[in-house]
Protein backbone atom coordinates (compact mmCIF):
# COMPACT_ATOMS: atom_id res chain seq x y z
CA MET A 1 6.83 -17.85 -1.05
CA SER A 2 4.46 -19.50 1.39
CA CYS A 3 3.85 -16.16 3.11
CA ARG A 4 2.50 -14.75 -0.17
CA ASP A 5 0.28 -17.78 -0.61
CA ALA A 6 -1.05 -17.45 2.96
CA CYS A 7 -2.13 -13.82 2.55
CA PRO A 8 -5.90 -13.61 2.04
CA THR A 9 -5.73 -10.10 0.56
CA GLY A 10 -2.69 -10.48 -1.71
CA ALA A 11 -0.74 -7.88 0.27
CA VAL A 12 2.53 -9.83 0.11
CA ARG A 13 4.61 -9.39 -3.03
CA PHE A 14 8.17 -10.35 -3.77
CA ASP A 15 10.96 -8.15 -5.15
CA LEU A 16 14.10 -9.60 -6.65
CA ALA A 17 17.18 -8.90 -4.57
CA LEU A 18 20.77 -10.05 -4.43
CA GLY A 19 20.65 -13.59 -3.05
CA GLY A 20 16.97 -14.19 -3.83
CA ALA A 21 13.56 -12.64 -3.51
CA ARG A 22 12.45 -10.50 -0.56
CA PRO A 23 8.89 -10.00 0.65
CA ARG A 24 7.30 -6.57 0.36
CA ILE A 25 4.03 -5.76 2.10
CA ILE A 26 1.49 -3.58 0.31
CA SER A 27 0.30 -1.63 3.34
CA ASP A 28 -2.96 -0.48 1.73
CA ALA A 29 -3.97 -4.13 1.25
CA CYS A 30 -2.65 -5.49 4.55
CA THR A 31 -5.24 -6.10 7.28
CA GLY A 32 -2.69 -7.11 9.94
CA CYS A 33 -4.13 -10.62 10.27
CA GLY A 34 -0.68 -12.22 10.73
CA ASP A 35 -1.24 -15.14 8.36
CA CYS A 36 1.93 -14.24 6.42
CA PHE A 37 3.97 -13.97 9.63
CA GLN A 38 2.95 -17.44 10.75
CA ALA A 39 3.60 -18.97 7.32
CA CYS A 40 7.02 -17.38 6.66
CA PRO A 41 9.72 -20.08 6.92
CA ALA A 42 12.55 -17.51 6.97
CA ASN A 43 11.21 -15.16 9.67
CA ALA A 44 11.50 -12.32 7.13
CA ILE A 45 8.26 -10.62 8.20
CA GLU A 46 7.65 -8.75 11.45
CA LEU A 47 4.39 -7.38 12.77
CA SER A 48 4.20 -4.04 14.52
CA VAL A 49 1.54 -1.69 15.76
CA VAL A 50 1.16 1.54 13.83
CA GLU A 51 -0.45 4.29 15.82
CA GLU A 52 -2.61 6.60 13.78
CA GLY A 53 -2.07 10.32 14.09
CA SER A 54 1.61 9.98 15.01
């Protein structure tokens, strides 16, 4: 859960799933800084650009 620990805004939460926990991003709290992406040892987080007004 190092990606959760790396998030400065607490936007990364974990949900229980078959086989372990999976990260869930709280989009209202996410600033897009990428700290979680860099810290994730399982490459379970991807960053993408969201275009407003689409």
